[in-house]
Amino acid sequence: MASAAVRIAMPSTRGVPAIGSGQTEEESRDPRTYFIEEKDLGDARRYHHQIVLTEDTGENRRVREGRAPGREGPVAIMIDIHQNGPQRQCWEEWIRTHPESNFRFSSRRLPPSPITGTESLLYTWPGLYEADAIAVAAAGHLYVFTVTYIAPEDPIRRDFYDIFRTVRFG
């Protein structure tokens, strides 16, 4: 497992529509520092790599280091990369049937993602945290980009969509 803290300076979003709000964001945002962790979660049968970004705050550092009282983990941005096995399961079928997708907690709707530039599916689910997930099948892998948040206007959610827009599959 590798980990590091990185500063993600998001470009100014002045005049850009905020995701899901229909409103224009008039303030440019300050860059935030995220802590990145990478984990190999697969086994001998199937590759599964996960990248997790959490805001690099004192409280989140204490949680990561096991120095905080027992609590749920922080909100996060996760990128899960799953190998699409030899049977080449349809990615929509994988989302609907695989427990790791968390689709069972969703509204059971799986519309195309409104993010342009790639064929993707978007689904959301409620829970301790709200979550948005965007699934993309490319190059023999299924990529699931997920963000957990408390409120739709949380900065981590905006950062998630800004980050996703920069991803290119080749």
Foldseek 3Di string as FASTA:
>chain_A
DDKDKDKDAFDFQAQPDFPPPNDGDHGGDGIFIWMWDKDFDDDPQKTKIKIKTDTPDPVLVCVVVVNDPDDDHGWIKMKIKIACGPVNDDVVVCCVPPVVNVCVQWPVDWDFDPQPDATWTWTWGDDPWTKIWIWHDADRIIIIIMTTHHDSPDPSNRVSVSVVNVDDGD
